[in-house]
N, C-alpha and C. Protein backbone atom coordinates (compact mmCIF):
# COMPACT_ATOMS: atom_id res chain seq x y z
N UNK A 1 4.17 -27.07 -12.73
CA UNK A 1 4.04 -25.89 -13.57
C UNK A 1 4.61 -26.18 -14.96
N UNK A 2 3.85 -25.79 -15.98
CA UNK A 2 4.34 -26.05 -17.33
C UNK A 2 5.26 -24.94 -17.81
N UNK A 3 5.88 -25.16 -18.95
CA UNK A 3 6.89 -24.22 -19.45
C UNK A 3 6.29 -22.86 -19.77
N UNK A 4 5.05 -22.85 -20.29
CA UNK A 4 4.43 -21.57 -20.63
C UNK A 4 4.21 -20.72 -19.37
N UNK A 5 3.77 -21.37 -18.30
CA UNK A 5 3.57 -20.63 -17.04
C UNK A 5 4.90 -20.10 -16.51
N UNK A 6 5.93 -20.91 -16.60
CA UNK A 6 7.25 -20.45 -16.14
C UNK A 6 7.72 -19.25 -16.95
N UNK A 7 7.52 -19.31 -18.24
CA UNK A 7 7.93 -18.20 -19.10
C UNK A 7 7.14 -16.94 -18.76
N UNK A 8 5.85 -17.10 -18.48
CA UNK A 8 5.01 -15.95 -18.15
C UNK A 8 5.48 -15.30 -16.84
N UNK A 9 5.72 -16.11 -15.83
CA UNK A 9 6.16 -15.57 -14.54
C UNK A 9 7.51 -14.86 -14.67
N UNK A 10 8.41 -15.45 -15.43
CA UNK A 10 9.73 -14.83 -15.61
C UNK A 10 9.60 -13.51 -16.38
N UNK A 11 8.78 -13.51 -17.42
CA UNK A 11 8.60 -12.30 -18.22
C UNK A 11 7.97 -11.18 -17.39
N UNK A 12 6.99 -11.53 -16.57
CA UNK A 12 6.34 -10.53 -15.73
C UNK A 12 7.33 -9.96 -14.72
N UNK A 13 8.15 -10.83 -14.16
CA UNK A 13 9.11 -10.39 -13.16
C UNK A 13 10.16 -9.44 -13.71
N UNK A 14 10.51 -9.61 -14.98
CA UNK A 14 11.51 -8.71 -15.56
C UNK A 14 10.87 -7.57 -16.35
N UNK A 15 9.54 -7.56 -16.42
CA UNK A 15 8.84 -6.46 -17.07
C UNK A 15 8.85 -6.50 -18.58
N UNK A 16 8.93 -7.68 -19.16
CA UNK A 16 8.95 -7.84 -20.62
C UNK A 16 7.52 -8.02 -21.12
N UNK A 17 6.89 -6.93 -21.50
CA UNK A 17 5.48 -6.97 -21.90
C UNK A 17 5.26 -7.84 -23.14
N UNK A 18 6.16 -7.79 -24.09
CA UNK A 18 6.01 -8.61 -25.30
C UNK A 18 6.06 -10.09 -24.95
N UNK A 19 6.98 -10.47 -24.08
CA UNK A 19 7.09 -11.87 -23.69
C UNK A 19 5.89 -12.30 -22.85
N UNK A 20 5.35 -11.39 -22.07
CA UNK A 20 4.13 -11.70 -21.32
C UNK A 20 3.00 -12.02 -22.29
N UNK A 21 2.84 -11.18 -23.30
CA UNK A 21 1.80 -11.41 -24.29
C UNK A 21 2.00 -12.71 -25.05
N UNK A 22 3.24 -13.01 -25.38
CA UNK A 22 3.53 -14.24 -26.11
C UNK A 22 3.23 -15.46 -25.26
N UNK A 23 3.59 -15.42 -23.99
CA UNK A 23 3.33 -16.56 -23.10
C UNK A 23 1.84 -16.78 -22.92
N UNK A 24 1.09 -15.70 -22.79
CA UNK A 24 -0.37 -15.83 -22.67
C UNK A 24 -0.96 -16.41 -23.95
N UNK A 25 -0.48 -15.93 -25.09
CA UNK A 25 -0.98 -16.44 -26.37
C UNK A 25 -0.65 -17.91 -26.56
N UNK A 26 0.45 -18.36 -25.95
CA UNK A 26 0.85 -19.76 -26.07
C UNK A 26 0.11 -20.68 -25.10
N UNK A 27 -0.69 -20.07 -24.23
CA UNK A 27 -1.50 -20.89 -23.33
C UNK A 27 -1.17 -20.80 -21.85
N UNK A 28 -0.27 -19.89 -21.47
CA UNK A 28 0.06 -19.73 -20.05
C UNK A 28 -1.17 -19.24 -19.30
N UNK A 29 -1.29 -19.66 -18.06
CA UNK A 29 -2.41 -19.26 -17.21
C UNK A 29 -2.13 -17.88 -16.62
N UNK A 30 -3.06 -16.97 -16.79
CA UNK A 30 -2.84 -15.61 -16.29
C UNK A 30 -2.68 -15.58 -14.78
N UNK A 31 -3.22 -16.60 -14.09
CA UNK A 31 -3.08 -16.68 -12.64
C UNK A 31 -2.07 -17.77 -12.22
N UNK A 32 -1.09 -18.03 -13.07
CA UNK A 32 -0.03 -18.98 -12.71
C UNK A 32 0.63 -18.52 -11.41
N UNK A 33 1.16 -19.47 -10.66
CA UNK A 33 1.79 -19.14 -9.37
C UNK A 33 3.21 -19.70 -9.33
N UNK A 34 4.11 -18.92 -8.71
CA UNK A 34 5.46 -19.44 -8.50
C UNK A 34 5.50 -20.17 -7.16
N UNK A 35 6.69 -20.52 -6.68
CA UNK A 35 6.78 -21.31 -5.46
C UNK A 35 6.40 -20.53 -4.21
N UNK A 36 6.22 -19.23 -4.35
CA UNK A 36 5.75 -18.39 -3.23
C UNK A 36 4.32 -17.91 -3.46
N UNK A 37 3.67 -18.57 -4.42
CA UNK A 37 2.26 -18.29 -4.76
C UNK A 37 2.07 -16.90 -5.35
N UNK A 38 3.13 -16.32 -5.88
CA UNK A 38 3.00 -15.01 -6.52
C UNK A 38 2.52 -15.17 -7.95
N UNK A 39 1.55 -14.36 -8.33
CA UNK A 39 1.03 -14.38 -9.69
C UNK A 39 1.89 -13.49 -10.59
N UNK A 40 1.74 -13.62 -11.92
CA UNK A 40 2.47 -12.72 -12.81
C UNK A 40 2.17 -11.24 -12.52
N UNK A 41 0.92 -10.92 -12.22
CA UNK A 41 0.58 -9.52 -11.95
C UNK A 41 1.26 -9.03 -10.67
N UNK A 42 1.34 -9.87 -9.66
CA UNK A 42 2.04 -9.47 -8.44
C UNK A 42 3.52 -9.22 -8.73
N UNK A 43 4.14 -10.08 -9.52
CA UNK A 43 5.56 -9.88 -9.86
C UNK A 43 5.75 -8.58 -10.64
N UNK A 44 4.83 -8.30 -11.55
CA UNK A 44 4.92 -7.05 -12.31
C UNK A 44 4.73 -5.85 -11.40
N UNK A 45 3.80 -5.95 -10.46
CA UNK A 45 3.54 -4.84 -9.54
C UNK A 45 4.74 -4.60 -8.62
N UNK A 46 5.36 -5.67 -8.17
CA UNK A 46 6.53 -5.53 -7.30
C UNK A 46 7.66 -4.77 -7.99
N UNK A 47 7.81 -5.00 -9.29
CA UNK A 47 8.85 -4.33 -10.04
C UNK A 47 8.40 -3.03 -10.67
N UNK A 48 7.13 -2.65 -10.45
CA UNK A 48 6.53 -1.46 -11.06
C UNK A 48 6.66 -1.49 -12.58
N UNK A 49 6.43 -2.68 -13.13
CA UNK A 49 6.51 -2.87 -14.58
C UNK A 49 5.14 -2.61 -15.19
N UNK A 50 4.90 -1.37 -15.58
CA UNK A 50 3.56 -0.94 -15.99
C UNK A 50 3.10 -1.61 -17.28
N UNK A 51 3.97 -1.69 -18.27
CA UNK A 51 3.55 -2.26 -19.55
C UNK A 51 3.18 -3.73 -19.40
N UNK A 52 3.99 -4.47 -18.66
CA UNK A 52 3.68 -5.89 -18.44
C UNK A 52 2.39 -6.04 -17.65
N UNK A 53 2.22 -5.20 -16.64
CA UNK A 53 1.00 -5.26 -15.84
C UNK A 53 -0.22 -4.94 -16.69
N UNK A 54 -0.09 -4.00 -17.61
CA UNK A 54 -1.22 -3.64 -18.46
C UNK A 54 -1.67 -4.82 -19.31
N UNK A 55 -0.72 -5.57 -19.83
CA UNK A 55 -1.07 -6.76 -20.62
C UNK A 55 -1.81 -7.77 -19.75
N UNK A 56 -1.35 -7.96 -18.54
CA UNK A 56 -1.97 -8.92 -17.63
C UNK A 56 -3.37 -8.47 -17.21
N UNK A 57 -3.52 -7.19 -16.92
CA UNK A 57 -4.84 -6.67 -16.56
C UNK A 57 -5.81 -6.85 -17.72
N UNK A 58 -5.35 -6.56 -18.92
CA UNK A 58 -6.21 -6.74 -20.09
C UNK A 58 -6.62 -8.20 -20.28
N UNK A 59 -5.78 -9.12 -19.78
CA UNK A 59 -6.08 -10.55 -19.90
C UNK A 59 -6.94 -11.05 -18.72
N UNK A 60 -7.30 -10.14 -17.81
CA UNK A 60 -8.18 -10.52 -16.71
C UNK A 60 -7.51 -10.90 -15.42
N UNK A 61 -6.24 -10.51 -15.23
CA UNK A 61 -5.53 -10.86 -13.99
C UNK A 61 -6.21 -10.25 -12.78
N UNK A 62 -6.17 -10.99 -11.68
CA UNK A 62 -6.83 -10.60 -10.44
C UNK A 62 -5.91 -9.71 -9.60
N UNK A 63 -6.30 -8.45 -9.34
CA UNK A 63 -5.44 -7.57 -8.55
C UNK A 63 -5.43 -7.90 -7.07
N UNK A 64 -6.34 -8.78 -6.65
CA UNK A 64 -6.46 -9.12 -5.24
C UNK A 64 -5.91 -10.50 -4.88
N UNK A 65 -5.29 -11.19 -5.85
CA UNK A 65 -4.80 -12.55 -5.61
C UNK A 65 -3.65 -12.54 -4.62
N UNK A 66 -3.80 -13.19 -3.44
CA UNK A 66 -2.75 -13.16 -2.43
C UNK A 66 -1.69 -14.22 -2.65
N UNK A 67 -0.48 -13.92 -2.20
CA UNK A 67 0.58 -14.91 -2.24
C UNK A 67 0.73 -15.55 -0.86
N UNK A 68 1.80 -16.25 -0.62
CA UNK A 68 1.98 -16.97 0.65
C UNK A 68 2.22 -16.03 1.82
N UNK A 69 2.56 -14.77 1.53
CA UNK A 69 2.77 -13.77 2.58
C UNK A 69 1.57 -12.83 2.73
N UNK A 70 0.48 -13.17 2.04
CA UNK A 70 -0.74 -12.36 2.06
C UNK A 70 -0.54 -11.00 1.38
N UNK A 71 0.44 -10.91 0.48
CA UNK A 71 0.57 -9.75 -0.38
C UNK A 71 -0.25 -9.99 -1.64
N UNK A 72 -0.64 -8.94 -2.30
CA UNK A 72 -1.36 -9.03 -3.56
C UNK A 72 -0.89 -7.90 -4.46
N UNK A 73 -1.22 -7.95 -5.75
CA UNK A 73 -0.83 -6.84 -6.61
C UNK A 73 -1.30 -5.49 -6.07
N UNK A 74 -2.54 -5.45 -5.58
CA UNK A 74 -3.06 -4.19 -5.05
C UNK A 74 -2.31 -3.77 -3.79
N UNK A 75 -2.14 -4.67 -2.86
CA UNK A 75 -1.50 -4.31 -1.60
C UNK A 75 -0.07 -3.83 -1.78
N UNK A 76 0.66 -4.42 -2.72
CA UNK A 76 2.06 -4.01 -2.85
C UNK A 76 2.21 -2.63 -3.47
N UNK A 77 1.15 -2.09 -4.08
CA UNK A 77 1.27 -0.71 -4.57
C UNK A 77 1.48 0.26 -3.41
N UNK A 78 0.95 -0.09 -2.22
CA UNK A 78 1.18 0.74 -1.06
C UNK A 78 2.60 0.65 -0.56
N UNK A 79 3.23 -0.50 -0.77
CA UNK A 79 4.63 -0.69 -0.37
C UNK A 79 5.56 0.05 -1.32
N UNK A 80 5.33 -0.10 -2.62
CA UNK A 80 6.17 0.57 -3.60
C UNK A 80 5.85 2.06 -3.71
N UNK A 81 4.61 2.41 -3.39
CA UNK A 81 4.19 3.80 -3.50
C UNK A 81 3.92 4.23 -4.93
N UNK A 82 3.70 3.27 -5.82
CA UNK A 82 3.50 3.59 -7.24
C UNK A 82 2.07 4.03 -7.52
N UNK A 83 1.87 5.31 -7.72
CA UNK A 83 0.55 5.81 -8.07
C UNK A 83 0.15 5.32 -9.46
N UNK A 84 1.11 5.25 -10.36
CA UNK A 84 0.81 4.79 -11.72
C UNK A 84 0.31 3.34 -11.72
N UNK A 85 0.93 2.48 -10.93
CA UNK A 85 0.47 1.10 -10.86
C UNK A 85 -0.89 1.02 -10.18
N UNK A 86 -1.07 1.80 -9.14
CA UNK A 86 -2.36 1.84 -8.46
C UNK A 86 -3.47 2.18 -9.44
N UNK A 87 -3.24 3.21 -10.23
CA UNK A 87 -4.26 3.65 -11.19
C UNK A 87 -4.46 2.64 -12.31
N UNK A 88 -3.39 1.97 -12.71
CA UNK A 88 -3.51 0.95 -13.74
C UNK A 88 -4.40 -0.21 -13.27
N UNK A 89 -4.31 -0.52 -11.97
CA UNK A 89 -5.08 -1.63 -11.42
C UNK A 89 -6.54 -1.28 -11.15
N UNK A 90 -6.86 -0.01 -11.01
CA UNK A 90 -8.21 0.37 -10.61
C UNK A 90 -9.32 -0.23 -11.50
N UNK A 91 -9.18 -0.22 -12.82
CA UNK A 91 -10.26 -0.78 -13.64
C UNK A 91 -10.46 -2.29 -13.46
N UNK A 92 -9.49 -2.98 -12.87
CA UNK A 92 -9.60 -4.43 -12.72
C UNK A 92 -10.31 -4.84 -11.42
N UNK A 93 -10.77 -3.85 -10.66
CA UNK A 93 -11.58 -4.16 -9.49
C UNK A 93 -10.83 -4.52 -8.22
N UNK A 94 -9.79 -3.77 -7.86
CA UNK A 94 -9.10 -4.07 -6.59
C UNK A 94 -10.02 -3.80 -5.41
N UNK A 95 -9.73 -4.46 -4.30
CA UNK A 95 -10.52 -4.29 -3.08
C UNK A 95 -9.74 -3.40 -2.12
N UNK A 96 -10.13 -2.12 -1.97
CA UNK A 96 -9.40 -1.24 -1.07
C UNK A 96 -9.37 -1.72 0.37
N UNK A 97 -10.35 -2.56 0.73
CA UNK A 97 -10.41 -3.07 2.10
C UNK A 97 -9.58 -4.32 2.31
N UNK A 98 -8.92 -4.83 1.25
CA UNK A 98 -8.09 -6.03 1.41
C UNK A 98 -6.97 -5.77 2.41
N UNK A 99 -6.68 -6.79 3.23
CA UNK A 99 -5.71 -6.62 4.30
C UNK A 99 -4.46 -7.47 4.08
N UNK A 100 -3.32 -6.92 4.47
CA UNK A 100 -2.06 -7.65 4.42
C UNK A 100 -1.88 -8.49 5.69
N UNK A 101 -0.73 -9.10 5.83
CA UNK A 101 -0.52 -10.01 6.97
C UNK A 101 -0.51 -9.29 8.30
N UNK A 102 -0.37 -7.98 8.28
CA UNK A 102 -0.41 -7.20 9.51
C UNK A 102 -1.81 -6.64 9.77
N UNK A 103 -2.75 -7.01 8.90
CA UNK A 103 -4.12 -6.52 9.05
C UNK A 103 -4.30 -5.09 8.58
N UNK A 104 -3.42 -4.64 7.69
CA UNK A 104 -3.50 -3.28 7.20
C UNK A 104 -3.89 -3.19 5.73
N UNK A 105 -4.49 -2.08 5.34
CA UNK A 105 -4.78 -1.81 3.94
C UNK A 105 -3.52 -1.28 3.27
N UNK A 106 -3.59 -1.06 1.97
CA UNK A 106 -2.42 -0.55 1.25
C UNK A 106 -2.01 0.84 1.74
N UNK A 107 -2.94 1.57 2.31
CA UNK A 107 -2.64 2.92 2.80
C UNK A 107 -1.59 2.91 3.92
N UNK A 108 -1.65 1.92 4.79
CA UNK A 108 -0.82 1.95 6.00
C UNK A 108 0.67 1.81 5.69
N UNK A 109 1.12 0.83 4.89
CA UNK A 109 2.55 0.82 4.56
C UNK A 109 2.98 2.03 3.75
N UNK A 110 2.06 2.59 2.96
CA UNK A 110 2.41 3.80 2.21
C UNK A 110 2.69 4.95 3.15
N UNK A 111 1.87 5.08 4.21
CA UNK A 111 2.08 6.13 5.20
C UNK A 111 3.38 5.90 5.95
N UNK A 112 3.63 4.65 6.31
CA UNK A 112 4.86 4.31 7.03
C UNK A 112 6.10 4.70 6.23
N UNK A 113 6.05 4.49 4.92
CA UNK A 113 7.22 4.72 4.08
C UNK A 113 7.32 6.16 3.55
N UNK A 114 6.35 6.98 3.87
CA UNK A 114 6.40 8.37 3.42
C UNK A 114 6.04 8.55 1.96
N UNK A 115 5.18 7.68 1.43
CA UNK A 115 4.76 7.80 0.03
C UNK A 115 3.58 8.77 -0.06
N UNK A 116 3.89 10.05 0.00
CA UNK A 116 2.84 11.07 0.09
C UNK A 116 1.89 11.04 -1.10
N UNK A 117 2.42 10.97 -2.31
CA UNK A 117 1.57 11.00 -3.50
C UNK A 117 0.61 9.82 -3.50
N UNK A 118 1.09 8.66 -3.08
CA UNK A 118 0.21 7.48 -3.03
C UNK A 118 -0.87 7.67 -1.98
N UNK A 119 -0.49 8.13 -0.80
CA UNK A 119 -1.47 8.34 0.27
C UNK A 119 -2.57 9.28 -0.22
N UNK A 120 -2.17 10.38 -0.82
CA UNK A 120 -3.15 11.34 -1.32
C UNK A 120 -4.05 10.71 -2.39
N UNK A 121 -3.45 10.00 -3.31
CA UNK A 121 -4.21 9.46 -4.44
C UNK A 121 -5.14 8.33 -4.04
N UNK A 122 -4.67 7.40 -3.20
CA UNK A 122 -5.51 6.26 -2.84
C UNK A 122 -6.70 6.71 -2.01
N UNK A 123 -6.52 7.75 -1.21
CA UNK A 123 -7.65 8.27 -0.44
C UNK A 123 -8.64 9.02 -1.32
N UNK A 124 -8.13 9.71 -2.33
CA UNK A 124 -9.00 10.49 -3.21
C UNK A 124 -9.73 9.62 -4.23
N UNK A 125 -9.11 8.51 -4.63
CA UNK A 125 -9.63 7.75 -5.77
C UNK A 125 -10.25 6.42 -5.40
N UNK A 126 -10.19 6.03 -4.14
CA UNK A 126 -10.80 4.77 -3.71
C UNK A 126 -11.56 4.99 -2.41
N UNK A 127 -12.19 3.93 -1.94
CA UNK A 127 -12.96 4.00 -0.70
C UNK A 127 -12.14 3.57 0.52
N UNK A 128 -10.83 3.64 0.43
CA UNK A 128 -9.96 3.24 1.53
C UNK A 128 -10.31 4.00 2.81
N UNK A 129 -10.41 3.27 3.90
CA UNK A 129 -10.74 3.85 5.20
C UNK A 129 -9.50 4.51 5.80
N UNK A 130 -9.53 5.82 5.97
CA UNK A 130 -8.37 6.54 6.47
C UNK A 130 -8.04 6.17 7.92
N UNK A 131 -9.03 5.69 8.66
CA UNK A 131 -8.82 5.35 10.07
C UNK A 131 -8.81 3.85 10.33
N UNK A 132 -8.58 3.04 9.30
CA UNK A 132 -8.53 1.59 9.53
C UNK A 132 -7.41 1.28 10.53
N UNK A 133 -7.71 0.36 11.45
CA UNK A 133 -6.76 -0.04 12.49
C UNK A 133 -6.24 -1.44 12.18
N UNK A 134 -4.92 -1.61 12.14
CA UNK A 134 -4.35 -2.92 11.83
C UNK A 134 -4.20 -3.77 13.10
N UNK A 135 -3.59 -4.93 12.97
CA UNK A 135 -3.49 -5.85 14.10
C UNK A 135 -2.57 -5.33 15.21
N UNK A 136 -1.73 -4.39 14.88
CA UNK A 136 -0.86 -3.78 15.89
C UNK A 136 -1.59 -2.70 16.69
N UNK A 137 -2.80 -2.38 16.23
CA UNK A 137 -3.56 -1.31 16.87
C UNK A 137 -3.22 0.06 16.32
N UNK A 138 -2.65 0.09 15.11
CA UNK A 138 -2.20 1.35 14.53
C UNK A 138 -2.99 1.71 13.28
N UNK A 139 -3.31 2.98 13.16
CA UNK A 139 -3.86 3.55 11.94
C UNK A 139 -2.71 3.99 11.04
N UNK A 140 -3.04 4.46 9.84
CA UNK A 140 -2.01 5.01 8.96
C UNK A 140 -1.34 6.22 9.62
N UNK A 141 -2.13 7.03 10.33
CA UNK A 141 -1.58 8.21 11.00
C UNK A 141 -0.58 7.80 12.08
N UNK A 142 -0.94 6.81 12.86
CA UNK A 142 -0.02 6.32 13.89
C UNK A 142 1.25 5.73 13.28
N UNK A 143 1.12 4.98 12.19
CA UNK A 143 2.31 4.39 11.56
C UNK A 143 3.24 5.46 11.02
N UNK A 144 2.66 6.53 10.46
CA UNK A 144 3.50 7.60 9.93
C UNK A 144 4.32 8.25 11.04
N UNK A 145 3.74 8.31 12.24
CA UNK A 145 4.45 8.92 13.37
C UNK A 145 5.40 7.93 14.02
N UNK A 146 4.90 6.73 14.30
CA UNK A 146 5.68 5.74 15.07
C UNK A 146 6.83 5.17 14.25
N UNK A 147 6.58 4.87 12.98
CA UNK A 147 7.59 4.22 12.15
C UNK A 147 8.26 5.18 11.16
N UNK A 148 7.76 6.40 11.08
CA UNK A 148 8.38 7.39 10.21
C UNK A 148 9.62 7.99 10.84
N UNK A 149 10.30 8.85 10.08
CA UNK A 149 11.54 9.45 10.58
C UNK A 149 11.36 10.87 11.07
N UNK A 150 10.11 11.36 11.03
CA UNK A 150 9.85 12.71 11.52
C UNK A 150 10.25 13.80 10.55
N UNK A 151 10.73 13.42 9.38
CA UNK A 151 11.18 14.39 8.39
C UNK A 151 10.06 14.95 7.54
N UNK A 152 10.42 15.76 6.53
CA UNK A 152 9.41 16.43 5.70
C UNK A 152 8.43 15.49 5.02
N UNK A 153 8.90 14.35 4.53
CA UNK A 153 7.98 13.43 3.85
C UNK A 153 6.91 12.92 4.80
N UNK A 154 7.31 12.52 5.98
CA UNK A 154 6.33 11.99 6.92
C UNK A 154 5.45 13.10 7.50
N UNK A 155 6.00 14.30 7.63
CA UNK A 155 5.16 15.43 8.04
C UNK A 155 4.07 15.67 6.99
N UNK A 156 4.45 15.59 5.72
CA UNK A 156 3.47 15.80 4.66
C UNK A 156 2.41 14.69 4.66
N UNK A 157 2.85 13.45 4.89
CA UNK A 157 1.89 12.35 4.98
C UNK A 157 0.89 12.61 6.10
N UNK A 158 1.38 13.03 7.24
CA UNK A 158 0.49 13.34 8.36
C UNK A 158 -0.51 14.42 7.96
N UNK A 159 -0.05 15.46 7.30
CA UNK A 159 -0.93 16.54 6.87
C UNK A 159 -1.98 16.05 5.88
N UNK A 160 -1.57 15.20 4.96
CA UNK A 160 -2.51 14.66 3.96
C UNK A 160 -3.56 13.78 4.63
N UNK A 161 -3.14 12.94 5.56
CA UNK A 161 -4.07 12.08 6.28
C UNK A 161 -5.08 12.91 7.07
N UNK A 162 -4.61 13.93 7.74
CA UNK A 162 -5.51 14.79 8.51
C UNK A 162 -6.49 15.52 7.60
N UNK A 163 -6.00 16.00 6.46
CA UNK A 163 -6.88 16.68 5.51
C UNK A 163 -7.95 15.74 4.96
N UNK A 164 -7.63 14.44 4.92
CA UNK A 164 -8.58 13.44 4.43
C UNK A 164 -9.54 12.97 5.53
N UNK A 165 -9.40 13.53 6.72
CA UNK A 165 -10.33 13.20 7.79
C UNK A 165 -9.82 12.24 8.85
N UNK A 166 -8.53 11.93 8.86
CA UNK A 166 -7.99 11.04 9.89
C UNK A 166 -8.23 11.64 11.27
N UNK A 167 -8.58 10.79 12.21
CA UNK A 167 -8.87 11.22 13.58
C UNK A 167 -7.57 11.40 14.36
N UNK A 168 -7.19 12.64 14.71
CA UNK A 168 -5.93 12.85 15.41
C UNK A 168 -5.96 12.39 16.87
N UNK A 169 -7.15 12.07 17.37
CA UNK A 169 -7.27 11.64 18.76
C UNK A 169 -7.37 10.12 18.90
N UNK A 170 -7.34 9.41 17.78
CA UNK A 170 -7.44 7.95 17.81
C UNK A 170 -6.08 7.37 18.20
N UNK A 171 -5.99 6.83 19.41
CA UNK A 171 -4.72 6.35 19.92
C UNK A 171 -4.46 4.89 19.61
N UNK A 172 -3.31 4.41 20.06
CA UNK A 172 -2.93 3.01 19.87
C UNK A 172 -3.61 2.14 20.93
N UNK A 173 -3.17 0.89 21.04
CA UNK A 173 -3.81 -0.03 21.99
C UNK A 173 -3.70 0.44 23.43
N UNK A 174 -2.69 1.27 23.71
CA UNK A 174 -2.50 1.80 25.06
C UNK A 174 -3.11 3.18 25.22
N UNK A 175 -3.79 3.64 24.18
CA UNK A 175 -4.41 4.95 24.26
C UNK A 175 -3.49 6.11 23.96
N UNK A 176 -2.26 5.84 23.54
CA UNK A 176 -1.31 6.91 23.22
C UNK A 176 -1.65 7.47 21.84
N UNK A 177 -1.87 8.77 21.76
CA UNK A 177 -2.31 9.41 20.52
C UNK A 177 -1.13 9.69 19.59
N UNK A 178 -1.43 9.98 18.32
CA UNK A 178 -0.35 10.36 17.41
C UNK A 178 0.43 11.57 17.91
N UNK A 179 -0.27 12.57 18.48
CA UNK A 179 0.43 13.74 19.02
C UNK A 179 1.42 13.33 20.11
N UNK A 180 0.98 12.49 21.01
CA UNK A 180 1.85 12.08 22.11
C UNK A 180 3.07 11.32 21.60
N UNK A 181 2.86 10.44 20.61
CA UNK A 181 4.00 9.73 20.03
C UNK A 181 4.97 10.71 19.38
N UNK A 182 4.44 11.69 18.65
CA UNK A 182 5.30 12.67 17.99
C UNK A 182 6.09 13.48 19.02
N UNK A 183 5.42 13.88 20.09
CA UNK A 183 6.10 14.67 21.12
C UNK A 183 7.19 13.85 21.81
N UNK A 184 6.89 12.59 22.08
CA UNK A 184 7.87 11.73 22.76
C UNK A 184 9.10 11.48 21.90
N UNK A 185 8.89 11.44 20.58
CA UNK A 185 10.01 11.17 19.68
C UNK A 185 10.76 12.44 19.29
N UNK A 186 10.29 13.57 19.76
CA UNK A 186 10.95 14.82 19.43
C UNK A 186 10.67 15.31 18.03
N UNK A 187 9.56 14.87 17.45
CA UNK A 187 9.16 15.30 16.11
C UNK A 187 8.33 16.59 16.25
N UNK A 188 9.00 17.70 16.46
CA UNK A 188 8.30 18.94 16.78
C UNK A 188 7.40 19.42 15.65
N UNK A 189 7.90 19.32 14.42
CA UNK A 189 7.08 19.76 13.29
C UNK A 189 5.82 18.94 13.15
N UNK A 190 5.96 17.64 13.31
CA UNK A 190 4.81 16.74 13.23
C UNK A 190 3.83 17.03 14.38
N UNK A 191 4.36 17.27 15.56
CA UNK A 191 3.51 17.59 16.70
C UNK A 191 2.73 18.88 16.46
N UNK A 192 3.37 19.87 15.84
CA UNK A 192 2.67 21.12 15.54
C UNK A 192 1.52 20.90 14.57
N UNK A 193 1.76 20.06 13.55
CA UNK A 193 0.71 19.77 12.57
C UNK A 193 -0.47 19.10 13.27
N UNK A 194 -0.17 18.14 14.12
CA UNK A 194 -1.23 17.43 14.82
C UNK A 194 -1.97 18.34 15.80
N UNK A 195 -1.25 19.18 16.48
CA UNK A 195 -1.88 20.10 17.43
C UNK A 195 -2.81 21.07 16.69
N UNK A 196 -2.37 21.55 15.54
CA UNK A 196 -3.19 22.46 14.75
C UNK A 196 -4.47 21.80 14.25
N UNK A 197 -4.42 20.46 14.12
CA UNK A 197 -5.58 19.72 13.63
C UNK A 197 -6.55 19.37 14.75
N UNK A 198 -6.21 19.77 15.98
CA UNK A 198 -7.12 19.52 17.08
C UNK A 198 -6.68 18.44 18.03
N UNK A 199 -5.50 17.90 17.82
CA UNK A 199 -4.98 16.90 18.76
C UNK A 199 -4.61 17.60 20.05
N UNK A 200 -5.10 17.10 21.15
CA UNK A 200 -4.82 17.71 22.43
C UNK A 200 -3.76 16.92 23.18
N UNK A 201 -2.77 17.58 23.72
CA UNK A 201 -1.78 16.84 24.53
C UNK A 201 -2.44 16.10 25.66
N UNK A 202 -2.10 14.84 25.82
CA UNK A 202 -2.67 14.05 26.90
C UNK A 202 -1.82 14.14 28.15
N UNK A 203 -2.28 13.49 29.18
CA UNK A 203 -1.51 13.48 30.43
C UNK A 203 -0.24 12.69 30.21
N UNK A 204 0.79 13.04 30.93
CA UNK A 204 2.05 12.30 30.84
C UNK A 204 1.86 10.88 31.32
N UNK A 205 2.41 9.94 30.59
CA UNK A 205 2.29 8.53 30.97
C UNK A 205 3.64 8.04 31.44
């Protein structure tokens, strides 16, 4: 890696938009990679550095470029829950169907973490599949119930997913539905939301 690429990666990681522009003007590669195969745009997205990311997007940075962990600038917006970064990347052609190392779209970690605004926005503004199933056999709805804390944020995520058309009867690999998971975990509010959406209590397992 040459010095210009190193400067670009460092500038992107700390969110210094002026230094990003200077490094690009000096000849740094917009798709330079660090030792973990992270691009400048991925580093900017991880830090939610909007100004730096905007410079990189304008220079043609790829929002779908994966690193060694199969993360990409687009995918990490679901982890951070940054709606602003998600929207900044949209004109650069992100792939809503791109999958992370768990076989999930950006929607699934967002649901897991209770990023309600992101869940709502990515479903409204992209073609993300609300019922995509990852390698664990879980949809975004299942992740919100299984890995969520049952509190108001995750209840709201569940409501948003259902309003977007998520199937409340789509169970995990063992056939356990989101309602059943919520009931087993004592998430009464979440169970009520699911029941109101048409989820039917299954037989006791």
